[in-house]
Amino acid sequence: MGFLDRIREVVEGLTVHGQSTSILKIKAQIDNLFMIITLGDMLGIPILPPYYSLRLVPYVFPNIQNWKRYMLRERDFTDLVS
């Protein structure tokens, strides 16, 4: 890689990094909302009838354990600030 390629990467990092991290945070929030709506009855939040939730289980099965761990972990003030 040449010098100009390095400069281009630095400029891209300065301009796009903030946007990409905010997009990833929004995607994670949307994924959590989807999981709460479809599988909230696992946490005691019945929103969607179980029939529709069961039809979606094969598609979200790989994410269930990580989602439950994320939703049930303890949080403090520093988690809300960042």
PDB file of N, CA and C in Angstrom:
ATOM      1  N   MET A   1       0.838  -1.185   0.000  1.00  0.00           N
ATOM      2  CA  MET A   1       0.000   0.000   0.000  1.00  0.00           C
ATOM      3  C   MET A   1       0.879   1.242   0.000  1.00  0.00           C
ATOM      4  N   GLY A   2       0.475   2.151  -0.820  1.00  0.00           N
ATOM      5  CA  GLY A   2       1.237   3.367  -0.942  1.00  0.00           C
ATOM      6  C   GLY A   2       0.813   4.424   0.058  1.00  0.00           C
ATOM      7  N   PHE A   3       1.517   5.525  -0.002  1.00  0.00           N
ATOM      8  CA  PHE A   3       1.255   6.629   0.909  1.00  0.00           C
ATOM      9  C   PHE A   3      -0.141   7.218   0.703  1.00  0.00           C
ATOM     10  N   LEU A   4      -0.560   7.349  -0.544  1.00  0.00           N
ATOM     11  CA  LEU A   4      -1.882   7.906  -0.836  1.00  0.00           C
ATOM     12  C   LEU A   4      -3.008   6.996  -0.333  1.00  0.00           C
ATOM     13  N   ASP A   5      -2.783   5.689  -0.412  1.00  0.00           N
ATOM     14  CA  ASP A   5      -3.781   4.758   0.123  1.00  0.00           C
ATOM     15  C   ASP A   5      -3.926   4.914   1.631  1.00  0.00           C
ATOM     16  N   ARG A   6      -2.815   5.086   2.304  1.00  0.00           N
ATOM     17  CA  ARG A   6      -2.854   5.292   3.768  1.00  0.00           C
ATOM     18  C   ARG A   6      -3.596   6.582   4.122  1.00  0.00           C
ATOM     19  N   ILE A   7      -3.325   7.643   3.384  1.00  0.00           N
ATOM     20  CA  ILE A   7      -4.000   8.925   3.624  1.00  0.00           C
ATOM     21  C   ILE A   7      -5.506   8.780   3.386  1.00  0.00           C
ATOM     22  N   ARG A   8      -5.875   8.073   2.328  1.00  0.00           N
ATOM     23  CA  ARG A   8      -7.292   7.871   2.019  1.00  0.00           C
ATOM     24  C   ARG A   8      -7.978   7.089   3.137  1.00  0.00           C
ATOM     25  N   GLU A   9      -7.317   6.056   3.680  1.00  0.00           N
ATOM     26  CA  GLU A   9      -7.884   5.289   4.776  1.00  0.00           C
ATOM     27  C   GLU A   9      -8.057   6.138   6.037  1.00  0.00           C
ATOM     28  N   VAL A  10      -7.103   7.005   6.310  1.00  0.00           N
ATOM     29  CA  VAL A  10      -7.207   7.876   7.484  1.00  0.00           C
ATOM     30  C   VAL A  10      -8.373   8.839   7.321  1.00  0.00           C
ATOM     31  N   VAL A  11      -8.514   9.423   6.145  1.00  0.00           N
ATOM     32  CA  VAL A  11      -9.614  10.359   5.906  1.00  0.00           C
ATOM     33  C   VAL A  11     -10.961   9.632   5.993  1.00  0.00           C
ATOM     34  N   GLU A  12     -11.050   8.438   5.428  1.00  0.00           N
ATOM     35  CA  GLU A  12     -12.278   7.663   5.529  1.00  0.00           C
ATOM     36  C   GLU A  12     -12.592   7.337   6.980  1.00  0.00           C
ATOM     37  N   GLY A  13     -11.582   6.996   7.762  1.00  0.00           N
ATOM     38  CA  GLY A  13     -11.793   6.704   9.167  1.00  0.00           C
ATOM     39  C   GLY A  13     -12.274   7.908   9.947  1.00  0.00           C
ATOM     40  N   LEU A  14     -11.746   9.079   9.614  1.00  0.00           N
ATOM     41  CA  LEU A  14     -12.165  10.296  10.297  1.00  0.00           C
ATOM     42  C   LEU A  14     -13.594  10.692   9.945  1.00  0.00           C
ATOM     43  N   THR A  15     -14.011  10.426   8.728  1.00  0.00           N
ATOM     44  CA  THR A  15     -15.330  10.884   8.293  1.00  0.00           C
ATOM     45  C   THR A  15     -16.434   9.852   8.496  1.00  0.00           C
ATOM     46  N   VAL A  16     -16.131   8.581   8.402  1.00  0.00           N
ATOM     47  CA  VAL A  16     -17.171   7.554   8.379  1.00  0.00           C
ATOM     48  C   VAL A  16     -17.269   6.771   9.681  1.00  0.00           C
ATOM     49  N   HIS A  17     -16.269   6.806  10.521  1.00  0.00           N
ATOM     50  CA  HIS A  17     -16.266   5.975  11.722  1.00  0.00           C
ATOM     51  C   HIS A  17     -17.446   6.277  12.644  1.00  0.00           C
ATOM     52  N   GLY A  18     -17.749   7.540  12.866  1.00  0.00           N
ATOM     53  CA  GLY A  18     -18.865   7.909  13.733  1.00  0.00           C
ATOM     54  C   GLY A  18     -20.192   7.434  13.179  1.00  0.00           C
ATOM     55  N   GLN A  19     -20.357   7.552  11.873  1.00  0.00           N
ATOM     56  CA  GLN A  19     -21.594   7.098  11.242  1.00  0.00           C
ATOM     57  C   GLN A  19     -21.741   5.588  11.340  1.00  0.00           C
ATOM     58  N   SER A  20     -20.660   4.867  11.101  1.00  0.00           N
ATOM     59  CA  SER A  20     -20.754   3.406  11.133  1.00  0.00           C
ATOM     60  C   SER A  20     -21.034   2.893  12.537  1.00  0.00           C
ATOM     61  N   THR A  21     -20.442   3.499  13.566  1.00  0.00           N
ATOM     62  CA  THR A  21     -20.732   3.041  14.930  1.00  0.00           C
ATOM     63  C   THR A  21     -22.164   3.358  15.330  1.00  0.00           C
ATOM     64  N   SER A  22     -22.682   4.519  14.922  1.00  0.00           N
ATOM     65  CA  SER A  22     -24.070   4.830  15.259  1.00  0.00           C
ATOM     66  C   SER A  22     -25.031   3.918  14.507  1.00  0.00           C
ATOM     67  N   ILE A  23     -24.711   3.567  13.273  1.00  0.00           N
ATOM     68  CA  ILE A  23     -25.555   2.643  12.516  1.00  0.00           C
ATOM     69  C   ILE A  23     -25.555   1.267  13.179  1.00  0.00           C
ATOM     70  N   LEU A  24     -24.413   0.815  13.666  1.00  0.00           N
ATOM     71  CA  LEU A  24     -24.358  -0.480  14.347  1.00  0.00           C
ATOM     72  C   LEU A  24     -25.154  -0.463  15.651  1.00  0.00           C
ATOM     73  N   LYS A  25     -25.117   0.662  16.396  1.00  0.00           N
ATOM     74  CA  LYS A  25     -25.908   0.769  17.626  1.00  0.00           C
ATOM     75  C   LYS A  25     -27.398   0.729  17.318  1.00  0.00           C
ATOM     76  N   ILE A  26     -27.817   1.441  16.268  1.00  0.00           N
ATOM     77  CA  ILE A  26     -29.231   1.444  15.893  1.00  0.00           C
ATOM     78  C   ILE A  26     -29.674   0.061  15.445  1.00  0.00           C
ATOM     79  N   LYS A  27     -28.821  -0.642  14.707  1.00  0.00           N
ATOM     80  CA  LYS A  27     -29.151  -2.000  14.280  1.00  0.00           C
ATOM     81  C   LYS A  27     -29.308  -2.923  15.482  1.00  0.00           C
ATOM     82  N   ALA A  28     -28.439  -2.793  16.476  1.00  0.00           N
ATOM     83  CA  ALA A  28     -28.550  -3.616  17.677  1.00  0.00           C
ATOM     84  C   ALA A  28     -29.839  -3.308  18.433  1.00  0.00           C
ATOM     85  N   GLN A  29     -30.228  -2.033  18.498  1.00  0.00           N
ATOM     86  CA  GLN A  29     -31.473  -1.673  19.171  1.00  0.00           C
ATOM     87  C   GLN A  29     -32.682  -2.232  18.428  1.00  0.00           C
ATOM     88  N   ILE A  30     -32.663  -2.188  17.109  1.00  0.00           N
ATOM     89  CA  ILE A  30     -33.772  -2.735  16.324  1.00  0.00           C
ATOM     90  C   ILE A  30     -33.841  -4.250  16.491  1.00  0.00           C
ATOM     91  N   ASP A  31     -32.685  -4.922  16.505  1.00  0.00           N
ATOM     92  CA  ASP A  31     -32.672  -6.367  16.723  1.00  0.00           C
ATOM     93  C   ASP A  31     -33.227  -6.725  18.100  1.00  0.00           C
ATOM     94  N   ASN A  32     -32.850  -5.949  19.127  1.00  0.00           N
ATOM     95  CA  ASN A  32     -33.378  -6.206  20.464  1.00  0.00           C
ATOM     96  C   ASN A  32     -34.885  -5.989  20.520  1.00  0.00           C
ATOM     97  N   LEU A  33     -35.378  -4.958  19.866  1.00  0.00           N
ATOM     98  CA  LEU A  33     -36.809  -4.701  19.834  1.00  0.00           C
ATOM     99  C   LEU A  33     -37.545  -5.840  19.136  1.00  0.00           C
ATOM    100  N   PHE A  34     -37.000  -6.322  18.029  1.00  0.00           N
ATOM    101  CA  PHE A  34     -37.611  -7.451  17.320  1.00  0.00           C
ATOM    102  C   PHE A  34     -37.658  -8.686  18.203  1.00  0.00           C
ATOM    103  N   MET A  35     -36.561  -8.956  18.904  1.00  0.00           N
ATOM    104  CA  MET A  35     -36.519 -10.134  19.775  1.00  0.00           C
ATOM    105  C   MET A  35     -37.505  -9.987  20.936  1.00  0.00           C
ATOM    106  N   ILE A  36     -37.649  -8.792  21.486  1.00  0.00           N
ATOM    107  CA  ILE A  36     -38.603  -8.591  22.580  1.00  0.00           C
ATOM    108  C   ILE A  36     -40.031  -8.797  22.075  1.00  0.00           C
ATOM    109  N   ILE A  37     -40.330  -8.284  20.897  1.00  0.00           N
ATOM    110  CA  ILE A  37     -41.686  -8.432  20.370  1.00  0.00           C
ATOM    111  C   ILE A  37     -41.999  -9.886  20.070  1.00  0.00           C
ATOM    112  N   THR A  38     -41.057 -10.604  19.480  1.00  0.00           N
ATOM    113  CA  THR A  38     -41.352 -11.980  19.071  1.00  0.00           C
ATOM    114  C   THR A  38     -41.164 -12.988  20.197  1.00  0.00           C
ATOM    115  N   LEU A  39     -40.137 -12.838  21.004  1.00  0.00           N
ATOM    116  CA  LEU A  39     -39.838 -13.840  22.031  1.00  0.00           C
ATOM    117  C   LEU A  39     -39.876 -13.256  23.440  1.00  0.00           C
ATOM    118  N   GLY A  40     -40.613 -12.193  23.624  1.00  0.00           N
ATOM    119  CA  GLY A  40     -40.693 -11.564  24.940  1.00  0.00           C
ATOM    120  C   GLY A  40     -41.334 -12.441  25.988  1.00  0.00           C
ATOM    121  N   ASP A  41     -42.129 -13.433  25.575  1.00  0.00           N
ATOM    122  CA  ASP A  41     -42.759 -14.307  26.553  1.00  0.00           C
ATOM    123  C   ASP A  41     -41.736 -15.156  27.308  1.00  0.00           C
ATOM    124  N   MET A  42     -40.524 -15.289  26.783  1.00  0.00           N
ATOM    125  CA  MET A  42     -39.459 -15.974  27.526  1.00  0.00           C
ATOM    126  C   MET A  42     -39.042 -15.169  28.749  1.00  0.00           C
ATOM    127  N   LEU A  43     -39.222 -13.850  28.670  1.00  0.00           N
ATOM    128  CA  LEU A  43     -38.879 -12.971  29.790  1.00  0.00           C
ATOM    129  C   LEU A  43     -40.107 -12.559  30.581  1.00  0.00           C
ATOM    130  N   GLY A  44     -41.285 -13.039  30.185  1.00  0.00           N
ATOM    131  CA  GLY A  44     -42.505 -12.697  30.883  1.00  0.00           C
ATOM    132  C   GLY A  44     -43.204 -11.487  30.305  1.00  0.00           C
ATOM    133  N   ILE A  45     -42.930 -11.155  29.055  1.00  0.00           N
ATOM    134  CA  ILE A  45     -43.567 -10.011  28.396  1.00  0.00           C
ATOM    135  C   ILE A  45     -44.377 -10.552  27.214  1.00  0.00           C
ATOM    136  N   PRO A  46     -45.636 -10.940  27.435  1.00  0.00           N
ATOM    137  CA  PRO A  46     -46.425 -11.502  26.323  1.00  0.00           C
ATOM    138  C   PRO A  46     -46.966 -10.400  25.422  1.00  0.00           C
ATOM    139  N   ILE A  47     -46.404 -10.243  24.253  1.00  0.00           N
ATOM    140  CA  ILE A  47     -46.840  -9.209  23.316  1.00  0.00           C
ATOM    141  C   ILE A  47     -47.478  -9.846  22.088  1.00  0.00           C
ATOM    142  N   LEU A  48     -46.809 -10.803  21.502  1.00  0.00           N
ATOM    143  CA  LEU A  48     -47.270 -11.443  20.276  1.00  0.00           C
ATOM    144  C   LEU A  48     -47.829 -12.827  20.636  1.00  0.00           C
ATOM    145  N   PRO A  49     -48.902 -13.269  19.997  1.00  0.00           N
ATOM    146  CA  PRO A  49     -49.412 -14.619  20.282  1.00  0.00           C
ATOM    147  C   PRO A  49     -48.335 -15.682  20.034  1.00  0.00           C
ATOM    148  N   PRO A  50     -48.316 -16.723  20.844  1.00  0.00           N
ATOM    149  CA  PRO A  50     -47.254 -17.735  20.736  1.00  0.00           C
ATOM    150  C   PRO A  50     -47.167 -18.419  19.377  1.00  0.00           C
ATOM    151  N   TYR A  51     -48.282 -18.504  18.656  1.00  0.00           N
ATOM    152  CA  TYR A  51     -48.255 -19.172  17.357  1.00  0.00           C
ATOM    153  C   TYR A  51     -47.269 -18.493  16.408  1.00  0.00           C
ATOM    154  N   TYR A  52     -47.324 -17.166  16.339  1.00  0.00           N
ATOM    155  CA  TYR A  52     -46.435 -16.439  15.446  1.00  0.00           C
ATOM    156  C   TYR A  52     -45.002 -16.467  15.950  1.00  0.00           C
ATOM    157  N   SER A  53     -44.838 -16.452  17.248  1.00  0.00           N
ATOM    158  CA  SER A  53     -43.486 -16.545  17.812  1.00  0.00           C
ATOM    159  C   SER A  53     -42.853 -17.880  17.479  1.00  0.00           C
ATOM    160  N   LEU A  54     -43.616 -18.944  17.573  1.00  0.00           N
ATOM    161  CA  LEU A  54     -43.078 -20.268  17.274  1.00  0.00           C
ATOM    162  C   LEU A  54     -42.720 -20.412  15.796  1.00  0.00           C
ATOM    163  N   ARG A  55     -43.419 -19.736  14.938  1.00  0.00           N
ATOM    164  CA  ARG A  55     -43.085 -19.806  13.518  1.00  0.00           C
ATOM    165  C   ARG A  55     -41.768 -19.096  13.221  1.00  0.00           C
ATOM    166  N   LEU A  56     -41.392 -18.118  14.057  1.00  0.00           N
ATOM    167  CA  LEU A  56     -40.152 -17.377  13.833  1.00  0.00           C
ATOM    168  C   LEU A  56     -38.945 -17.986  14.537  1.00  0.00           C
ATOM    169  N   VAL A  57     -39.157 -18.946  15.421  1.00  0.00           N
ATOM    170  CA  VAL A  57     -38.053 -19.522  16.201  1.00  0.00           C
ATOM    171  C   VAL A  57     -36.930 -20.077  15.328  1.00  0.00           C
ATOM    172  N   PRO A  58     -37.196 -20.805  14.246  1.00  0.00           N
ATOM    173  CA  PRO A  58     -36.062 -21.320  13.452  1.00  0.00           C
ATOM    174  C   PRO A  58     -35.150 -20.228  12.899  1.00  0.00           C
ATOM    175  N   TYR A  59     -35.694 -19.036  12.679  1.00  0.00           N
ATOM    176  CA  TYR A  59     -34.890 -17.959  12.109  1.00  0.00           C
ATOM    177  C   TYR A  59     -34.062 -17.230  13.160  1.00  0.00           C
ATOM    178  N   VAL A  60     -34.539 -17.194  14.386  1.00  0.00           N
ATOM    179  CA  VAL A  60     -33.829 -16.452  15.431  1.00  0.00           C
ATOM    180  C   VAL A  60     -33.158 -17.366  16.446  1.00  0.00           C
ATOM    181  N   PHE A  61     -33.227 -18.672  16.238  1.00  0.00           N
ATOM    182  CA  PHE A  61     -32.663 -19.616  17.204  1.00  0.00           C
ATOM    183  C   PHE A  61     -31.190 -19.378  17.516  1.00  0.00           C
ATOM    184  N   PRO A  62     -30.328 -19.080  16.536  1.00  0.00           N
ATOM    185  CA  PRO A  62     -28.910 -18.867  16.875  1.00  0.00           C
ATOM    186  C   PRO A  62     -28.688 -17.663  17.793  1.00  0.00           C
ATOM    187  N   ASN A  63     -29.609 -16.709  17.830  1.00  0.00           N
ATOM    188  CA  ASN A  63     -29.414 -15.489  18.611  1.00  0.00           C
ATOM    189  C   ASN A  63     -30.089 -15.514  19.976  1.00  0.00           C
ATOM    190  N   ILE A  64     -30.842 -16.550  20.292  1.00  0.00           N
ATOM    191  CA  ILE A  64     -31.653 -16.544  21.515  1.00  0.00           C
ATOM    192  C   ILE A  64     -30.787 -16.486  22.765  1.00  0.00           C
ATOM    193  N   GLN A  65     -29.762 -17.311  22.865  1.00  0.00           N
ATOM    194  CA  GLN A  65     -28.946 -17.336  24.087  1.00  0.00           C
ATOM    195  C   GLN A  65     -28.238 -16.011  24.322  1.00  0.00           C
ATOM    196  N   ASN A  66     -27.645 -15.434  23.287  1.00  0.00           N
ATOM    197  CA  ASN A  66     -26.966 -14.140  23.437  1.00  0.00           C
ATOM    198  C   ASN A  66     -27.950 -13.040  23.800  1.00  0.00           C
ATOM    199  N   TRP A  67     -29.144 -13.072  23.201  1.00  0.00           N
ATOM    200  CA  TRP A  67     -30.148 -12.061  23.495  1.00  0.00           C
ATOM    201  C   TRP A  67     -30.630 -12.161  24.946  1.00  0.00           C
ATOM    202  N   LYS A  68     -30.892 -13.379  25.404  1.00  0.00           N
ATOM    203  CA  LYS A  68     -31.338 -13.539  26.792  1.00  0.00           C
ATOM    204  C   LYS A  68     -30.253 -13.088  27.765  1.00  0.00           C
ATOM    205  N   ARG A  69     -29.005 -13.396  27.477  1.00  0.00           N
ATOM    206  CA  ARG A  69     -27.903 -12.974  28.331  1.00  0.00           C
ATOM    207  C   ARG A  69     -27.795 -11.451  28.346  1.00  0.00           C
ATOM    208  N   TYR A  70     -27.975 -10.815  27.176  1.00  0.00           N
ATOM    209  CA  TYR A  70     -27.900  -9.351  27.093  1.00  0.00           C
ATOM    210  C   TYR A  70     -29.058  -8.701  27.855  1.00  0.00           C
ATOM    211  N   MET A  71     -30.256  -9.225  27.700  1.00  0.00           N
ATOM    212  CA  MET A  71     -31.424  -8.612  28.328  1.00  0.00           C
ATOM    213  C   MET A  71     -31.447  -8.810  29.834  1.00  0.00           C
ATOM    214  N   LEU A  72     -30.910  -9.896  30.341  1.00  0.00           N
ATOM    215  CA  LEU A  72     -31.006 -10.211  31.761  1.00  0.00           C
ATOM    216  C   LEU A  72     -29.767  -9.816  32.567  1.00  0.00           C
ATOM    217  N   ARG A  73     -28.765  -9.226  31.928  1.00  0.00           N
ATOM    218  CA  ARG A  73     -27.576  -8.835  32.689  1.00  0.00           C
ATOM    219  C   ARG A  73     -27.846  -7.548  33.459  1.00  0.00           C
ATOM    220  N   GLU A  74     -27.112  -7.379  34.535  1.00  0.00           N
ATOM    221  CA  GLU A  74     -27.270  -6.178  35.347  1.00  0.00           C
ATOM    222  C   GLU A  74     -26.626  -4.998  34.650  1.00  0.00           C
ATOM    223  N   ARG A  75     -27.251  -3.842  34.803  1.00  0.00           N
ATOM    224  CA  ARG A  75     -26.716  -2.621  34.210  1.00  0.00           C
ATOM    225  C   ARG A  75     -26.570  -1.565  35.294  1.00  0.00           C
ATOM    226  N   ASP A  76     -25.658  -0.664  35.062  1.00  0.00           N
ATOM    227  CA  ASP A  76     -25.500   0.460  35.984  1.00  0.00           C
ATOM    228  C   ASP A  76     -25.449   1.765  35.182  1.00  0.00           C
ATOM    229  N   PHE A  77     -25.216   2.848  35.853  1.00  0.00           N
ATOM    230  CA  PHE A  77     -25.263   4.164  35.242  1.00  0.00           C
ATOM    231  C   PHE A  77     -24.271   4.321  34.105  1.00  0.00           C
ATOM    232  N   THR A  78     -23.094   3.713  34.233  1.00  0.00           N
ATOM    233  CA  THR A  78     -22.074   3.868  33.193  1.00  0.00           C
ATOM    234  C   THR A  78     -22.493   3.197  31.890  1.00  0.00           C
ATOM    235  N   ASP A  79     -23.320   2.169  31.945  1.00  0.00           N
ATOM    236  CA  ASP A  79     -23.810   1.537  30.712  1.00  0.00           C
ATOM    237  C   ASP A  79     -24.748   2.479  29.958  1.00  0.00           C
ATOM    238  N   LEU A  80     -25.518   3.262  30.694  1.00  0.00           N
ATOM    239  CA  LEU A  80     -26.463   4.178  30.044  1.00  0.00           C
ATOM    240  C   LEU A  80     -25.761   5.382  29.423  1.00  0.00           C
ATOM    241  N   VAL A  81     -24.631   5.783  29.996  1.00  0.00           N
ATOM    242  CA  VAL A  81     -23.918   6.973  29.523  1.00  0.00           C
ATOM    243  C   VAL A  81     -23.232   6.694  28.195  1.00  0.00           C
ATOM    244  N   SER A  82     -22.618   5.542  28.051  1.00  0.00           N
ATOM    245  CA  SER A  82     -21.845   5.252  26.839  1.00  0.00           C
ATOM    246  C   SER A  82     -22.693   4.857  25.673  1.00  0.00           C
TER     247      SER A  82
END
